[in-house]
Structures are given as C-alpha cells and as structure tokens.
Amino acid sequence: MSEKPVYLTREGRAQLEAELEELLTVGRKQVQERIHQARDLGDISESGEYEDAKNQQAFVEGRILEIKNLLRKAQLIDEENGDNREVRLGSSVTVRYEDGDEETYTIVGSAEANPRAGKISNESPIGAALIGKRARQKISVQTPSGTMKLTIVRIR
C-alpha cells in the first residue's frame, strides 16, 4: 500500500521543522518538569495536576510523531518554477464570486491548509475544482453549503 504524499511549501516545511524542534527540546522538558513537580506533591493517584501533566505529555508525544510522519512523507511544492497559465499546487489564485466579491487563495497541501490565512487545500472542494483551470474560466463548485459559481480572475 503506497502512502499518500504530504504536499508542503518551503514555508510550511520550515514551520513544521521549527515546531518539531520546539517540542523535542522545550515541550518535552516542560512536561517532564510538571510531572516531576506533581509527583513531589504526594499521592499521585488523586492528583489532578499529575493527570493533566500526563495528558499534556501524551499530546506532545503524539504531535511529535505526527510531525515526523508528515515530514517523512513530505513533497515540496515548487512555487518558483511553475507556469501561471494553469492553477496548480503553490499557485495564488484570485477568484470572483457571483456576488462580485473577490478572494485570493493559495493552493497548498492539506497539512498546511489554513482558510483564514487564505491557504486552501488541494483536496478541499474549491481547491480541487481550481486545480488545472485557467484564468477567465468559470467553474461551479459543490460545497457543503451549496453550489458556488466563480470565475478565475488571476493566477500567480
């Protein structure tokens, strides 16, 4: 069974690497200190602080494994060497909705998606519909909130 690649921009990869480094050096140490302090308080069988520290430890260790797995499967999105005639991973796309509103999205992999920051996944309904399209094309997108019609204004 082949593993699905994780598409990342250089910026996204750097952010994950920085988060991993922070968790490995600072995060683990802080959790271990909390666990040690909770043990020093006495009976850990009824200690909420100890339980909370153990839960935080599980979260930190889980996130470390998750990031390592993402980085192992990472494929960098080549943002510089693309042709801007067609939407692809790494493209910044300005679209105009039927009501005249315009929005600019950067198409990224699902691990890096952040719609509030204008980064949408290539697997999201809008992202998937935009891939392979050209400027001035009109498309209809089926989303959870209904069908949206939009026109591609510009691709960078």
C-alpha atoms as a PDB file:
ATOM      1  CA  MET A   1       0.000   0.000   0.000  1.00  0.00           C
ATOM      2  CA  SER A   2       1.549   3.293  -1.068  1.00  0.00           C
ATOM      3  CA  GLU A   3       1.468   6.257   1.253  1.00  0.00           C
ATOM      4  CA  LYS A   4      -0.187   9.448   0.129  1.00  0.00           C
ATOM      5  CA  PRO A   5       2.348  12.288  -0.178  1.00  0.00           C
ATOM      6  CA  VAL A   6       2.058  15.361   2.016  1.00  0.00           C
ATOM      7  CA  TYR A   7       2.458  18.484  -0.114  1.00  0.00           C
ATOM      8  CA  LEU A   8       4.217  21.362   1.643  1.00  0.00           C
ATOM      9  CA  THR A   9       5.573  24.748   0.650  1.00  0.00           C
ATOM     10  CA  ARG A  10       9.079  25.616   1.823  1.00  0.00           C
ATOM     11  CA  GLU A  11       7.499  27.881   4.438  1.00  0.00           C
ATOM     12  CA  GLY A  12       5.175  25.106   5.625  1.00  0.00           C
ATOM     13  CA  ARG A  13       8.038  22.623   5.927  1.00  0.00           C
ATOM     14  CA  ALA A  14      10.114  25.147   7.872  1.00  0.00           C
ATOM     15  CA  GLN A  15       7.205  25.787  10.255  1.00  0.00           C
ATOM     16  CA  LEU A  16       6.769  22.062  10.907  1.00  0.00           C
ATOM     17  CA  GLU A  17      10.507  21.601  11.445  1.00  0.00           C
ATOM     18  CA  ALA A  18      10.557  24.534  13.892  1.00  0.00           C
ATOM     19  CA  GLU A  19       7.542  23.157  15.780  1.00  0.00           C
ATOM     20  CA  LEU A  20       9.189  19.728  15.980  1.00  0.00           C
ATOM     21  CA  GLU A  21      12.424  21.217  17.305  1.00  0.00           C
ATOM     22  CA  GLU A  22      10.472  23.222  19.905  1.00  0.00           C
ATOM     23  CA  LEU A  23       8.558  20.133  21.060  1.00  0.00           C
ATOM     24  CA  LEU A  24      11.691  17.978  21.234  1.00  0.00           C
ATOM     25  CA  THR A  25      13.757  20.496  23.186  1.00  0.00           C
ATOM     26  CA  VAL A  26      11.377  22.695  25.184  1.00  0.00           C
ATOM     27  CA  GLY A  27       7.999  20.921  25.160  1.00  0.00           C
ATOM     28  CA  ARG A  28       9.239  17.570  26.446  1.00  0.00           C
ATOM     29  CA  LYS A  29      11.338  19.231  29.140  1.00  0.00           C
ATOM     30  CA  GLN A  30       8.429  21.344  30.394  1.00  0.00           C
ATOM     31  CA  VAL A  31       6.137  18.320  30.594  1.00  0.00           C
ATOM     32  CA  GLN A  32       8.735  16.278  32.437  1.00  0.00           C
ATOM     33  CA  GLU A  33       9.159  19.106  34.955  1.00  0.00           C
ATOM     34  CA  ARG A  34       5.385  19.264  35.508  1.00  0.00           C
ATOM     35  CA  ILE A  35       5.224  15.509  36.068  1.00  0.00           C
ATOM     36  CA  HIS A  36       8.147  15.656  38.491  1.00  0.00           C
ATOM     37  CA  GLN A  37       6.554  18.544  40.435  1.00  0.00           C
ATOM     38  CA  ALA A  38       3.206  16.728  40.603  1.00  0.00           C
ATOM     39  CA  ARG A  39       4.933  13.602  41.971  1.00  0.00           C
ATOM     40  CA  ASP A  40       6.638  15.719  44.637  1.00  0.00           C
ATOM     41  CA  LEU A  41       3.223  16.878  45.857  1.00  0.00           C
ATOM     42  CA  GLY A  42       2.458  13.408  47.202  1.00  0.00           C
ATOM     43  CA  ASP A  43      -0.259  10.896  46.316  1.00  0.00           C
ATOM     44  CA  ILE A  44      -0.441  10.863  42.507  1.00  0.00           C
ATOM     45  CA  SER A  45      -3.489   8.569  42.423  1.00  0.00           C
ATOM     46  CA  GLU A  46      -5.741  11.536  43.244  1.00  0.00           C
ATOM     47  CA  SER A  47      -3.682  14.342  41.742  1.00  0.00           C
ATOM     48  CA  GLY A  48      -5.391  16.395  39.049  1.00  0.00           C
ATOM     49  CA  GLU A  49      -2.093  18.136  38.312  1.00  0.00           C
ATOM     50  CA  TYR A  50      -0.366  14.800  37.681  1.00  0.00           C
ATOM     51  CA  GLU A  51      -3.218  13.620  35.445  1.00  0.00           C
ATOM     52  CA  ASP A  52      -3.149  16.888  33.488  1.00  0.00           C
ATOM     53  CA  ALA A  53       0.636  16.700  33.071  1.00  0.00           C
ATOM     54  CA  LYS A  54       0.375  13.104  31.795  1.00  0.00           C
ATOM     55  CA  ASN A  55      -2.313  14.199  29.299  1.00  0.00           C
ATOM     56  CA  GLN A  56      -0.075  17.020  28.118  1.00  0.00           C
ATOM     57  CA  GLN A  57       2.784  14.534  27.743  1.00  0.00           C
ATOM     58  CA  ALA A  58       0.592  12.294  25.579  1.00  0.00           C
ATOM     59  CA  PHE A  59      -0.368  15.293  23.421  1.00  0.00           C
ATOM     60  CA  VAL A  60       3.271  16.393  22.978  1.00  0.00           C
ATOM     61  CA  GLU A  61       4.448  12.884  22.095  1.00  0.00           C
ATOM     62  CA  GLY A  62       1.536  12.412  19.687  1.00  0.00           C
ATOM     63  CA  ARG A  63       2.264  15.704  17.954  1.00  0.00           C
ATOM     64  CA  ILE A  64       5.964  14.794  17.655  1.00  0.00           C
ATOM     65  CA  LEU A  65       5.027  11.517  15.946  1.00  0.00           C
ATOM     66  CA  GLU A  66       2.521  13.297  13.693  1.00  0.00           C
ATOM     67  CA  ILE A  67       5.051  15.914  12.553  1.00  0.00           C
ATOM     68  CA  LYS A  68       7.769  13.305  11.967  1.00  0.00           C
ATOM     69  CA  ASN A  69       5.316  11.320   9.841  1.00  0.00           C
ATOM     70  CA  LEU A  70       4.285  14.429   7.846  1.00  0.00           C
ATOM     71  CA  LEU A  71       7.915  15.372   7.200  1.00  0.00           C
ATOM     72  CA  ARG A  72       8.778  11.795   6.185  1.00  0.00           C
ATOM     73  CA  LYS A  73       6.045  11.848   3.522  1.00  0.00           C
ATOM     74  CA  ALA A  74       6.622  15.495   2.524  1.00  0.00           C
ATOM     75  CA  GLN A  75       6.946  16.533  -1.085  1.00  0.00           C
ATOM     76  CA  LEU A  76       7.896  20.152  -1.602  1.00  0.00           C
ATOM     77  CA  ILE A  77       5.656  22.276  -3.773  1.00  0.00           C
ATOM     78  CA  ASP A  78       7.817  24.008  -6.360  1.00  0.00           C
ATOM     79  CA  GLU A  79       6.481  27.540  -6.101  1.00  0.00           C
ATOM     80  CA  GLU A  80       9.010  29.225  -8.365  1.00  0.00           C
ATOM     81  CA  ASN A  81       9.149  27.063 -11.465  1.00  0.00           C
ATOM     82  CA  GLY A  82       5.534  26.980 -12.424  1.00  0.00           C
ATOM     83  CA  ASP A  83       3.732  28.388 -15.344  1.00  0.00           C
ATOM     84  CA  ASN A  84       0.974  30.741 -14.325  1.00  0.00           C
ATOM     85  CA  ARG A  85      -1.382  29.749 -17.117  1.00  0.00           C
ATOM     86  CA  GLU A  86      -2.919  26.940 -15.077  1.00  0.00           C
ATOM     87  CA  VAL A  87      -3.769  26.515 -11.377  1.00  0.00           C
ATOM     88  CA  ARG A  88      -1.534  24.023  -9.575  1.00  0.00           C
ATOM     89  CA  LEU A  89      -0.234  23.382  -6.076  1.00  0.00           C
ATOM     90  CA  GLY A  90       1.518  26.535  -4.895  1.00  0.00           C
ATOM     91  CA  SER A  91      -0.490  28.866  -7.139  1.00  0.00           C
ATOM     92  CA  SER A  92      -2.091  32.009  -5.767  1.00  0.00           C
ATOM     93  CA  VAL A  93      -5.493  32.324  -7.403  1.00  0.00           C
ATOM     94  CA  THR A  94      -7.835  35.290  -7.330  1.00  0.00           C
ATOM     95  CA  VAL A  95     -11.455  34.328  -7.922  1.00  0.00           C
ATOM     96  CA  ARG A  96     -14.632  36.381  -8.302  1.00  0.00           C
ATOM     97  CA  TYR A  97     -17.866  35.006  -6.884  1.00  0.00           C
ATOM     98  CA  GLU A  98     -21.296  35.606  -8.419  1.00  0.00           C
ATOM     99  CA  ASP A  99     -21.972  38.446  -5.976  1.00  0.00           C
ATOM    100  CA  GLY A 100     -18.858  40.289  -7.210  1.00  0.00           C
ATOM    101  CA  ASP A 101     -16.706  39.599  -4.156  1.00  0.00           C
ATOM    102  CA  GLU A 102     -13.116  38.647  -4.916  1.00  0.00           C
ATOM    103  CA  GLU A 103     -10.939  36.359  -2.842  1.00  0.00           C
ATOM    104  CA  THR A 104      -7.332  35.249  -3.271  1.00  0.00           C
ATOM    105  CA  TYR A 105      -6.318  31.739  -2.259  1.00  0.00           C
ATOM    106  CA  THR A 106      -3.015  29.914  -2.247  1.00  0.00           C
ATOM    107  CA  ILE A 107      -3.399  26.230  -3.103  1.00  0.00           C
ATOM    108  CA  VAL A 108      -1.471  24.110  -0.600  1.00  0.00           C
ATOM    109  CA  GLY A 109      -1.489  20.539   0.667  1.00  0.00           C
ATOM    110  CA  SER A 110      -3.958  19.547   3.373  1.00  0.00           C
ATOM    111  CA  ALA A 111      -1.319  19.597   6.136  1.00  0.00           C
ATOM    112  CA  GLU A 112      -0.716  23.298   5.556  1.00  0.00           C
ATOM    113  CA  ALA A 113      -4.275  24.471   4.856  1.00  0.00           C
ATOM    114  CA  ASN A 114      -5.477  27.494   6.802  1.00  0.00           C
ATOM    115  CA  PRO A 115      -8.555  29.047   5.151  1.00  0.00           C
ATOM    116  CA  ARG A 116      -8.480  32.109   7.427  1.00  0.00           C
ATOM    117  CA  ALA A 117      -4.997  32.870   6.103  1.00  0.00           C
ATOM    118  CA  GLY A 118      -6.112  32.287   2.506  1.00  0.00           C
ATOM    119  CA  LYS A 119      -4.424  28.886   2.209  1.00  0.00           C
ATOM    120  CA  ILE A 120      -6.811  26.218   0.945  1.00  0.00           C
ATOM    121  CA  SER A 121      -6.138  22.546   0.440  1.00  0.00           C
ATOM    122  CA  ASN A 122      -5.903  20.996  -2.988  1.00  0.00           C
ATOM    123  CA  GLU A 123      -8.329  18.414  -1.558  1.00  0.00           C
ATOM    124  CA  SER A 124     -10.991  20.934  -0.466  1.00  0.00           C
ATOM    125  CA  PRO A 125     -13.983  21.390  -2.782  1.00  0.00           C
ATOM    126  CA  ILE A 126     -12.818  24.791  -4.066  1.00  0.00           C
ATOM    127  CA  GLY A 127      -9.128  23.817  -4.218  1.00  0.00           C
ATOM    128  CA  ALA A 128      -9.862  20.606  -6.125  1.00  0.00           C
ATOM    129  CA  ALA A 129     -12.134  22.464  -8.551  1.00  0.00           C
ATOM    130  CA  LEU A 130      -9.456  25.088  -9.254  1.00  0.00           C
ATOM    131  CA  ILE A 131      -6.592  22.664  -9.993  1.00  0.00           C
ATOM    132  CA  GLY A 132      -5.870  22.532 -13.717  1.00  0.00           C
ATOM    133  CA  LYS A 133      -8.103  25.508 -14.592  1.00  0.00           C
ATOM    134  CA  ARG A 134      -7.034  28.684 -16.401  1.00  0.00           C
ATOM    135  CA  ALA A 135      -7.661  32.401 -15.945  1.00  0.00           C
ATOM    136  CA  ARG A 136     -11.121  33.624 -17.019  1.00  0.00           C
ATOM    137  CA  GLN A 137     -12.592  30.136 -16.671  1.00  0.00           C
ATOM    138  CA  LYS A 138     -15.944  29.912 -14.921  1.00  0.00           C
ATOM    139  CA  ILE A 139     -16.499  26.965 -12.625  1.00  0.00           C
ATOM    140  CA  SER A 140     -19.203  25.609 -10.373  1.00  0.00           C
ATOM    141  CA  VAL A 141     -18.153  24.091  -7.087  1.00  0.00           C
ATOM    142  CA  GLN A 142     -20.282  21.824  -4.933  1.00  0.00           C
ATOM    143  CA  THR A 143     -19.593  22.736  -1.301  1.00  0.00           C
ATOM    144  CA  PRO A 144     -21.285  21.678   1.936  1.00  0.00           C
ATOM    145  CA  SER A 145     -23.203  24.980   1.871  1.00  0.00           C
ATOM    146  CA  GLY A 146     -24.378  24.509  -1.727  1.00  0.00           C
ATOM    147  CA  THR A 147     -23.201  25.177  -5.259  1.00  0.00           C
ATOM    148  CA  MET A 148     -20.887  28.158  -5.732  1.00  0.00           C
ATOM    149  CA  LYS A 149     -20.146  29.739  -9.094  1.00  0.00           C
ATOM    150  CA  LEU A 150     -16.902  31.585  -9.544  1.00  0.00           C
ATOM    151  CA  THR A 151     -14.584  32.953 -12.206  1.00  0.00           C
ATOM    152  CA  ILE A 152     -10.798  32.729 -12.077  1.00  0.00           C
ATOM    153  CA  VAL A 153      -9.514  36.298 -12.334  1.00  0.00           C
ATOM    154  CA  ARG A 154      -5.768  35.841 -11.967  1.00  0.00           C
ATOM    155  CA  ILE A 155      -3.192  33.104 -11.339  1.00  0.00           C
ATOM    156  CA  ARG A 156       0.223  33.825  -9.842  1.00  0.00           C
END
